[in-house]
Protein backbone atom coordinates (compact mmCIF):
# COMPACT_ATOMS: atom_id res chain seq x y z
CA MET A 1 16.06 7.89 -36.12
CA ALA A 2 14.92 5.95 -33.04
CA ARG A 3 11.62 7.00 -31.60
CA ARG A 4 11.58 7.62 -27.87
CA THR A 5 8.46 7.30 -25.84
CA GLN A 6 7.99 9.49 -22.84
CA ARG A 7 5.72 8.91 -19.92
CA ARG A 8 3.04 11.52 -19.30
CA PRO A 9 3.70 13.49 -16.10
CA ASP A 10 0.32 12.46 -14.68
CA ALA A 11 0.67 8.77 -15.63
CA VAL A 12 0.41 6.18 -12.90
CA SER A 13 2.29 2.89 -12.90
CA ALA A 14 0.16 -0.21 -13.28
CA PRO A 15 0.41 -2.59 -10.32
CA TYR A 16 0.98 -5.57 -12.63
CA ALA A 17 3.32 -6.34 -15.50
CA LEU A 18 2.89 -8.53 -18.56
CA GLY A 19 3.47 -12.14 -17.60
CA ASP A 20 2.36 -11.76 -13.96
CA GLN A 21 -0.04 -14.39 -12.69
CA VAL A 22 -3.11 -12.80 -11.10
CA CYS A 23 -6.47 -13.80 -9.70
CA GLY A 24 -9.54 -11.58 -9.61
CA PRO A 25 -13.12 -10.93 -10.68
CA GLU A 26 -14.13 -10.24 -14.24
CA ALA A 27 -14.78 -6.61 -15.18
CA LEU A 28 -18.48 -6.34 -15.94
CA PRO A 29 -19.84 -3.57 -18.15
CA PRO A 30 -21.59 -0.64 -16.44
CA GLY A 31 -25.14 -1.54 -15.46
CA ASP A 32 -24.45 -5.29 -15.35
CA TYR A 33 -25.23 -6.36 -11.79
CA ARG A 34 -24.41 -10.06 -12.05
CA THR A 35 -21.98 -11.49 -9.55
CA PRO A 36 -18.65 -11.46 -11.42
CA ALA A 37 -16.88 -14.77 -11.92
CA THR A 38 -13.32 -15.05 -10.55
CA TYR A 39 -10.50 -16.09 -12.86
CA GLU A 40 -6.78 -16.75 -12.57
CA GLY A 41 -4.40 -16.26 -15.46
CA GLU A 42 -1.36 -14.59 -16.98
CA VAL A 43 -1.49 -10.83 -17.64
CA VAL A 44 -1.35 -10.21 -21.40
CA GLN A 45 -2.54 -6.57 -21.52
CA VAL A 46 -2.98 -3.82 -18.96
CA GLY A 47 -5.92 -1.53 -19.72
CA SER A 48 -7.12 -0.66 -23.18
CA GLY A 49 -3.91 0.89 -24.40
CA TRP A 50 -5.83 4.07 -25.22
CA ASN A 51 -5.10 7.17 -23.19
CA GLY A 52 -7.89 7.85 -20.69
CA VAL A 53 -10.30 5.22 -22.03
CA ASP A 54 -10.26 3.03 -18.94
CA ALA A 55 -9.27 5.67 -16.40
CA ALA A 56 -12.45 5.31 -14.33
CA ASN A 57 -12.71 1.51 -14.57
CA ALA A 58 -9.20 0.18 -15.02
CA TYR A 59 -8.92 -3.40 -16.15
CA LEU A 60 -6.44 -5.93 -17.43
CA TRP A 61 -6.63 -8.89 -19.77
CA VAL A 62 -5.48 -12.31 -18.60
CA ARG A 63 -4.93 -15.51 -20.56
CA LEU A 64 -6.46 -18.53 -18.86
CA PRO A 65 -5.01 -22.05 -18.92
CA ASP A 66 -7.47 -22.99 -21.72
CA ARG A 67 -5.90 -20.14 -23.82
CA THR A 68 -9.04 -17.93 -23.72
CA GLU A 69 -8.79 -14.42 -22.34
CA ARG A 70 -10.85 -12.55 -19.77
CA LYS A 71 -11.07 -8.89 -18.77
CA LEU A 72 -10.53 -8.49 -15.01
CA ALA A 73 -11.15 -5.54 -12.68
CA ILE A 74 -7.58 -4.45 -11.91
CA GLU A 75 -8.35 -2.86 -8.52
CA ARG A 76 -9.70 -6.17 -7.20
CA CYS A 77 -6.97 -8.48 -8.55
CA VAL A 78 -4.21 -10.03 -6.49
CA LEU A 79 -0.82 -11.30 -7.55
CA VAL A 80 -0.48 -15.09 -7.38
CA THR A 81 2.96 -16.19 -6.22
CA PRO A 82 4.57 -19.36 -7.63
CA ALA A 83 3.97 -21.12 -4.29
CA GLU A 84 0.21 -20.41 -4.53
CA ARG A 85 -0.20 -21.77 -8.08
CA PRO A 86 -1.84 -25.18 -8.48
CA ALA A 87 0.34 -28.06 -9.69
CA GLN A 88 -0.03 -28.71 -13.41
């Protein structure tokens, strides 16, 4: 039998989808007051995947051109259009 997943009634859509190219500051842990570095990369995960875990401090994971990943603050990210991407 096929399993169907249903969306919770109070769930909110994420502003980005897997594969989107975004730019934004890293998500620092609470109490870390450094100036966050800004990164640009491809969205590979939105949030933690665990219900309610990142509700107060939503984030997403992006894969950088060097194939490493960074956790970015989702509310401060912007979508990078193909025209804005640097030539490779």
